[in-house]
Amino acid sequence: MARRMTRCARRTFGTPAASRAPGIIRTTYLWTHDRTWAGDARSAAACGALLFGLLLALDAATGRLVPWRALLWLGLGVLLFAALTPPRVAAHDTTLVSCGPIRVRSVRLDRLVAVRRCDGIAPRLALRDASGGEVVLDPEVLLVNPPLWRLVAQGARTSAADGSLLCGATALRRLAERIDRDTAEGVFKASGLE
């Protein structure tokens, strides 16, 4: 996963200058990534395979199984997999990267200008930086990955101190309160003090 995120970052930011110059030790990236992504991707693959298998079995039971229909059902299974697979989210120091199936998006956490929370069927958190980069992610990713949350919170504090964070302090404060509440509940449950 870390190697994949390094490739995503290189596609986004290019190769670091230290690794291009001869005789200089290559710079390595230490990425903090979403630990739940692999499980979500496996679930999406299982759903796609289940849909494909059910449609194939239905066609076989009714006697209408032909190669072009099997390819159609395979395409629907792959489409469902692509729709259900969440983007990979990783962070490094001041950069947050989201690798989706089609494109890679990144945002500089120390240059945030806006943070918006979009509530609805699937809540989203949109982070935008001064250079126009934008990453939209599920807030649950930050809830279940404290190292990612720490990097985002640290970058937001830096942006607020610099005066570049124009809107979104309330959304981040609410998210921080929710993370603190969930962490406290987890500690109480683990210690038996519910």
C-alpha atoms as a PDB file:
ATOM      1  CA  MET A   1       0.000   0.000   0.000  1.00  0.00           C
ATOM      2  CA  ALA A   2       2.774   2.434   0.881  1.00  0.00           C
ATOM      3  CA  ARG A   3       4.506   1.699  -2.424  1.00  0.00           C
ATOM      4  CA  ARG A   4       1.234   2.325  -4.316  1.00  0.00           C
ATOM      5  CA  MET A   5       0.684   5.628  -2.497  1.00  0.00           C
ATOM      6  CA  THR A   6       4.238   6.664  -3.352  1.00  0.00           C
ATOM      7  CA  ARG A   7       3.438   6.014  -7.031  1.00  0.00           C
ATOM      8  CA  CYS A   8       0.224   8.037  -6.688  1.00  0.00           C
ATOM      9  CA  ALA A   9       2.178  10.872  -5.106  1.00  0.00           C
ATOM     10  CA  ARG A  10       4.824  10.769  -7.824  1.00  0.00           C
ATOM     11  CA  ARG A  11       2.111  10.957 -10.472  1.00  0.00           C
ATOM     12  CA  THR A  12       0.706  13.967  -8.654  1.00  0.00           C
ATOM     13  CA  PHE A  13       3.838  15.802  -7.537  1.00  0.00           C
ATOM     14  CA  GLY A  14       6.553  14.338  -9.763  1.00  0.00           C
ATOM     15  CA  THR A  15       9.794  12.825  -8.588  1.00  0.00           C
ATOM     16  CA  PRO A  16      11.470  14.704  -5.725  1.00  0.00           C
ATOM     17  CA  ALA A  17      14.476  16.794  -6.723  1.00  0.00           C
ATOM     18  CA  ALA A  18      16.723  14.845  -4.353  1.00  0.00           C
ATOM     19  CA  SER A  19      16.032  11.578  -6.206  1.00  0.00           C
ATOM     20  CA  ARG A  20      16.629  13.106  -9.668  1.00  0.00           C
ATOM     21  CA  ALA A  21      20.054  14.514  -8.899  1.00  0.00           C
ATOM     22  CA  PRO A  22      22.931  12.032  -9.294  1.00  0.00           C
ATOM     23  CA  GLY A  23      24.925  11.206  -6.199  1.00  0.00           C
ATOM     24  CA  ILE A  24      22.224  12.362  -3.770  1.00  0.00           C
ATOM     25  CA  ILE A  25      20.429   9.902  -1.523  1.00  0.00           C
ATOM     26  CA  ARG A  26      16.897   9.221  -2.683  1.00  0.00           C
ATOM     27  CA  THR A  27      14.094  10.770  -0.631  1.00  0.00           C
ATOM     28  CA  THR A  28      11.559   8.270   0.722  1.00  0.00           C
ATOM     29  CA  TYR A  29       7.962   9.062   1.561  1.00  0.00           C
ATOM     30  CA  LEU A  30       6.468   7.763   4.801  1.00  0.00           C
ATOM     31  CA  TRP A  31       2.735   7.633   4.148  1.00  0.00           C
ATOM     32  CA  THR A  32      -0.059   7.309   6.647  1.00  0.00           C
ATOM     33  CA  HIS A  33      -2.897   5.546   4.879  1.00  0.00           C
ATOM     34  CA  ASP A  34      -6.469   4.416   5.452  1.00  0.00           C
ATOM     35  CA  ARG A  35      -6.290   1.052   7.227  1.00  0.00           C
ATOM     36  CA  THR A  36      -9.884   0.124   6.364  1.00  0.00           C
ATOM     37  CA  TRP A  37      -9.548   0.563   2.591  1.00  0.00           C
ATOM     38  CA  ALA A  38      -8.528  -3.043   1.879  1.00  0.00           C
ATOM     39  CA  GLY A  39     -11.582  -4.410   3.686  1.00  0.00           C
ATOM     40  CA  ASP A  40     -13.874  -2.001   1.840  1.00  0.00           C
ATOM     41  CA  ALA A  41     -12.314  -2.997  -1.490  1.00  0.00           C
ATOM     42  CA  ARG A  42     -12.784  -6.700  -0.675  1.00  0.00           C
ATOM     43  CA  SER A  43     -16.440  -6.047   0.178  1.00  0.00           C
ATOM     44  CA  ALA A  44     -16.916  -4.201  -3.115  1.00  0.00           C
ATOM     45  CA  ALA A  45     -15.280  -7.086  -4.999  1.00  0.00           C
ATOM     46  CA  ALA A  46     -17.523  -9.586  -3.220  1.00  0.00           C
ATOM     47  CA  CYS A  47     -20.630  -7.578  -4.151  1.00  0.00           C
ATOM     48  CA  GLY A  48     -19.557  -7.370  -7.798  1.00  0.00           C
ATOM     49  CA  ALA A  49     -18.766 -11.096  -7.926  1.00  0.00           C
ATOM     50  CA  LEU A  50     -22.058 -11.962  -6.213  1.00  0.00           C
ATOM     51  CA  LEU A  51     -24.055  -9.908  -8.721  1.00  0.00           C
ATOM     52  CA  PHE A  52     -22.192 -11.529 -11.619  1.00  0.00           C
ATOM     53  CA  GLY A  53     -22.707 -15.018 -10.178  1.00  0.00           C
ATOM     54  CA  LEU A  54     -26.408 -14.497  -9.493  1.00  0.00           C
ATOM     55  CA  LEU A  55     -27.130 -13.126 -12.947  1.00  0.00           C
ATOM     56  CA  LEU A  56     -25.110 -15.922 -14.558  1.00  0.00           C
ATOM     57  CA  ALA A  57     -26.951 -18.565 -12.486  1.00  0.00           C
ATOM     58  CA  LEU A  58     -30.316 -17.007 -13.352  1.00  0.00           C
ATOM     59  CA  ASP A  59     -29.494 -17.099 -17.069  1.00  0.00           C
ATOM     60  CA  ALA A  60     -28.254 -20.689 -16.803  1.00  0.00           C
ATOM     61  CA  ALA A  61     -31.431 -21.745 -14.944  1.00  0.00           C
ATOM     62  CA  THR A  62     -33.696 -20.183 -17.557  1.00  0.00           C
ATOM     63  CA  GLY A  63     -31.661 -21.528 -20.468  1.00  0.00           C
ATOM     64  CA  ARG A  64     -30.755 -18.110 -21.877  1.00  0.00           C
ATOM     65  CA  LEU A  65     -27.025 -18.192 -21.141  1.00  0.00           C
ATOM     66  CA  VAL A  66     -25.064 -17.067 -24.190  1.00  0.00           C
ATOM     67  CA  PRO A  67     -21.568 -15.555 -24.327  1.00  0.00           C
ATOM     68  CA  TRP A  68     -22.675 -11.989 -25.007  1.00  0.00           C
ATOM     69  CA  ARG A  69     -25.032 -12.055 -21.987  1.00  0.00           C
ATOM     70  CA  ALA A  70     -22.266 -13.466 -19.797  1.00  0.00           C
ATOM     71  CA  LEU A  71     -20.034 -10.563 -20.882  1.00  0.00           C
ATOM     72  CA  LEU A  72     -22.846  -8.130 -20.147  1.00  0.00           C
ATOM     73  CA  TRP A  73     -23.243  -9.541 -16.621  1.00  0.00           C
ATOM     74  CA  LEU A  74     -19.481  -9.439 -16.127  1.00  0.00           C
ATOM     75  CA  GLY A  75     -19.493  -5.771 -17.142  1.00  0.00           C
ATOM     76  CA  LEU A  76     -22.275  -5.049 -14.637  1.00  0.00           C
ATOM     77  CA  GLY A  77     -20.302  -6.793 -11.891  1.00  0.00           C
ATOM     78  CA  VAL A  78     -17.181  -4.777 -12.719  1.00  0.00           C
ATOM     79  CA  LEU A  79     -19.231  -1.567 -12.823  1.00  0.00           C
ATOM     80  CA  LEU A  80     -20.689  -2.315  -9.379  1.00  0.00           C
ATOM     81  CA  PHE A  81     -17.188  -3.011  -8.048  1.00  0.00           C
ATOM     82  CA  ALA A  82     -15.922   0.305  -9.438  1.00  0.00           C
ATOM     83  CA  ALA A  83     -18.880   2.202  -7.976  1.00  0.00           C
ATOM     84  CA  LEU A  84     -18.532   0.671  -4.503  1.00  0.00           C
ATOM     85  CA  THR A  85     -14.746   0.856  -4.151  1.00  0.00           C
ATOM     86  CA  PRO A  86     -13.805   3.935  -2.118  1.00  0.00           C
ATOM     87  CA  PRO A  87     -10.770   6.017  -3.106  1.00  0.00           C
ATOM     88  CA  ARG A  88      -7.503   5.333  -1.292  1.00  0.00           C
ATOM     89  CA  VAL A  89      -6.695   8.107   1.143  1.00  0.00           C
ATOM     90  CA  ALA A  90      -3.185   8.740   2.408  1.00  0.00           C
ATOM     91  CA  ALA A  91      -1.302  11.636   3.959  1.00  0.00           C
ATOM     92  CA  HIS A  92       2.311  12.649   4.220  1.00  0.00           C
ATOM     93  CA  ASP A  93       3.402  15.540   6.392  1.00  0.00           C
ATOM     94  CA  THR A  94       1.487  18.404   4.711  1.00  0.00           C
ATOM     95  CA  THR A  95      -0.135  16.564   1.795  1.00  0.00           C
ATOM     96  CA  LEU A  96      -3.386  14.591   1.641  1.00  0.00           C
ATOM     97  CA  VAL A  97      -3.844  12.378  -1.436  1.00  0.00           C
ATOM     98  CA  SER A  98      -6.961  10.578  -2.644  1.00  0.00           C
ATOM     99  CA  CYS A  99      -6.394   7.955  -5.362  1.00  0.00           C
ATOM    100  CA  GLY A 100      -9.625   7.132  -7.137  1.00  0.00           C
ATOM    101  CA  PRO A 101     -10.109   4.726 -10.045  1.00  0.00           C
ATOM    102  CA  ILE A 102      -9.774   7.498 -12.628  1.00  0.00           C
ATOM    103  CA  ARG A 103      -7.752  10.308 -11.117  1.00  0.00           C
ATOM    104  CA  VAL A 104      -5.568  11.288  -8.200  1.00  0.00           C
ATOM    105  CA  ARG A 105      -6.472  14.359  -6.170  1.00  0.00           C
ATOM    106  CA  SER A 106      -4.322  16.080  -3.603  1.00  0.00           C
ATOM    107  CA  VAL A 107      -4.453  18.999  -1.232  1.00  0.00           C
ATOM    108  CA  ARG A 108      -1.805  20.807   0.796  1.00  0.00           C
ATOM    109  CA  LEU A 109      -2.906  20.655   4.427  1.00  0.00           C
ATOM    110  CA  ASP A 110      -0.783  23.636   5.474  1.00  0.00           C
ATOM    111  CA  ARG A 111      -2.439  25.857   2.823  1.00  0.00           C
ATOM    112  CA  LEU A 112      -6.114  25.061   3.374  1.00  0.00           C
ATOM    113  CA  VAL A 113      -8.544  27.832   2.468  1.00  0.00           C
ATOM    114  CA  ALA A 114     -11.864  26.017   2.922  1.00  0.00           C
ATOM    115  CA  VAL A 115     -13.252  22.942   4.639  1.00  0.00           C
ATOM    116  CA  ARG A 116     -16.888  22.069   3.960  1.00  0.00           C
ATOM    117  CA  ARG A 117     -19.005  19.291   5.378  1.00  0.00           C
ATOM    118  CA  CYS A 118     -21.694  18.094   2.974  1.00  0.00           C
ATOM    119  CA  ASP A 119     -24.386  16.156   4.821  1.00  0.00           C
ATOM    120  CA  GLY A 120     -26.805  13.915   3.011  1.00  0.00           C
ATOM    121  CA  ILE A 121     -27.145  10.241   2.228  1.00  0.00           C
ATOM    122  CA  ALA A 122     -23.357   9.905   2.274  1.00  0.00           C
ATOM    123  CA  PRO A 123     -21.687  12.676   4.307  1.00  0.00           C
ATOM    124  CA  ARG A 124     -18.542  14.114   2.756  1.00  0.00           C
ATOM    125  CA  LEU A 125     -15.757  16.404   3.876  1.00  0.00           C
ATOM    126  CA  ALA A 126     -14.303  18.655   1.161  1.00  0.00           C
ATOM    127  CA  LEU A 127     -10.880  20.200   1.708  1.00  0.00           C
ATOM    128  CA  ARG A 128      -9.582  22.891  -0.673  1.00  0.00           C
ATOM    129  CA  ASP A 129      -6.151  24.532  -0.682  1.00  0.00           C
ATOM    130  CA  ALA A 130      -4.819  27.850  -1.971  1.00  0.00           C
ATOM    131  CA  SER A 131      -3.570  26.380  -5.262  1.00  0.00           C
ATOM    132  CA  GLY A 132      -7.011  24.981  -6.165  1.00  0.00           C
ATOM    133  CA  GLY A 133      -6.424  21.365  -5.122  1.00  0.00           C
ATOM    134  CA  GLU A 134      -9.467  19.674  -3.635  1.00  0.00           C
ATOM    135  CA  VAL A 135     -10.007  16.338  -1.925  1.00  0.00           C
ATOM    136  CA  VAL A 136     -13.461  15.054  -1.030  1.00  0.00           C
ATOM    137  CA  LEU A 137     -13.542  12.188   1.443  1.00  0.00           C
ATOM    138  CA  ASP A 138     -15.801  10.348   3.840  1.00  0.00           C
ATOM    139  CA  PRO A 139     -15.381  11.717   7.395  1.00  0.00           C
ATOM    140  CA  GLU A 140     -15.471   8.120   8.671  1.00  0.00           C
ATOM    141  CA  VAL A 141     -11.996   7.667   7.151  1.00  0.00           C
ATOM    142  CA  LEU A 142     -10.687  10.233   9.624  1.00  0.00           C
ATOM    143  CA  LEU A 143     -12.733   8.778  12.487  1.00  0.00           C
ATOM    144  CA  VAL A 144     -11.282   5.273  12.164  1.00  0.00           C
ATOM    145  CA  ASN A 145      -7.732   6.409  11.303  1.00  0.00           C
ATOM    146  CA  PRO A 146      -6.386   8.635  14.107  1.00  0.00           C
ATOM    147  CA  PRO A 147      -2.978   9.178  12.412  1.00  0.00           C
ATOM    148  CA  LEU A 148      -4.741  10.623   9.334  1.00  0.00           C
ATOM    149  CA  TRP A 149      -6.899  12.815  11.561  1.00  0.00           C
ATOM    150  CA  ARG A 150      -3.830  14.133  13.415  1.00  0.00           C
ATOM    151  CA  LEU A 151      -2.200  15.187  10.135  1.00  0.00           C
ATOM    152  CA  VAL A 152      -5.395  16.894   8.921  1.00  0.00           C
ATOM    153  CA  ALA A 153      -5.920  18.653  12.277  1.00  0.00           C
ATOM    154  CA  GLN A 154      -2.290  19.783  12.400  1.00  0.00           C
ATOM    155  CA  GLY A 155      -2.501  21.154   8.850  1.00  0.00           C
ATOM    156  CA  ALA A 156      -5.773  22.950   9.657  1.00  0.00           C
ATOM    157  CA  ARG A 157      -4.214  24.532  12.743  1.00  0.00           C
ATOM    158  CA  THR A 158      -1.254  25.699  10.645  1.00  0.00           C
ATOM    159  CA  SER A 159      -3.602  27.129   8.002  1.00  0.00           C
ATOM    160  CA  ALA A 160      -5.690  28.897  10.649  1.00  0.00           C
ATOM    161  CA  ALA A 161      -2.575  30.349  12.296  1.00  0.00           C
ATOM    162  CA  ASP A 162      -1.364  31.633   8.905  1.00  0.00           C
ATOM    163  CA  GLY A 163      -4.791  33.142   8.212  1.00  0.00           C
ATOM    164  CA  SER A 164      -5.368  31.178   5.016  1.00  0.00           C
ATOM    165  CA  LEU A 165      -8.249  29.037   6.368  1.00  0.00           C
ATOM    166  CA  LEU A 166     -11.185  31.290   5.518  1.00  0.00           C
ATOM    167  CA  CYS A 167     -14.096  28.950   6.224  1.00  0.00           C
ATOM    168  CA  GLY A 168     -14.490  25.550   7.771  1.00  0.00           C
ATOM    169  CA  ALA A 169     -13.240  25.969  11.320  1.00  0.00           C
ATOM    170  CA  THR A 170     -16.710  25.022  12.596  1.00  0.00           C
ATOM    171  CA  ALA A 171     -16.832  21.832  10.510  1.00  0.00           C
ATOM    172  CA  LEU A 172     -13.399  20.802  11.767  1.00  0.00           C
ATOM    173  CA  ARG A 173     -14.323  21.608  15.370  1.00  0.00           C
ATOM    174  CA  ARG A 174     -17.470  19.438  15.132  1.00  0.00           C
ATOM    175  CA  LEU A 175     -15.475  16.611  13.614  1.00  0.00           C
ATOM    176  CA  ALA A 176     -12.846  16.939  16.361  1.00  0.00           C
ATOM    177  CA  GLU A 177     -15.583  16.817  19.021  1.00  0.00           C
ATOM    178  CA  ARG A 178     -17.061  13.690  17.447  1.00  0.00           C
ATOM    179  CA  ILE A 179     -13.645  12.012  17.266  1.00  0.00           C
ATOM    180  CA  ASP A 180     -12.951  12.919  20.908  1.00  0.00           C
ATOM    181  CA  ARG A 181     -16.370  11.604  21.973  1.00  0.00           C
ATOM    182  CA  ASP A 182     -15.912   8.324  20.075  1.00  0.00           C
ATOM    183  CA  THR A 183     -12.408   7.909  21.500  1.00  0.00           C
ATOM    184  CA  ALA A 184     -13.647   8.517  25.053  1.00  0.00           C
ATOM    185  CA  GLU A 185     -16.496   6.023  24.581  1.00  0.00           C
ATOM    186  CA  GLY A 186     -14.004   3.454  23.291  1.00  0.00           C
ATOM    187  CA  VAL A 187     -11.746   3.967  26.300  1.00  0.00           C
ATOM    188  CA  PHE A 188     -14.691   3.659  28.702  1.00  0.00           C
ATOM    189  CA  LYS A 189     -15.913   0.477  27.021  1.00  0.00           C
ATOM    190  CA  ALA A 190     -12.431  -1.051  27.026  1.00  0.00           C
ATOM    191  CA  SER A 191     -11.968  -0.277  30.722  1.00  0.00           C
ATOM    192  CA  GLY A 192     -15.486  -1.412  31.700  1.00  0.00           C
ATOM    193  CA  LEU A 193     -16.593   2.035  32.931  1.00  0.00           C
ATOM    194  CA  GLU A 194     -19.615   2.386  30.669  1.00  0.00           C
END
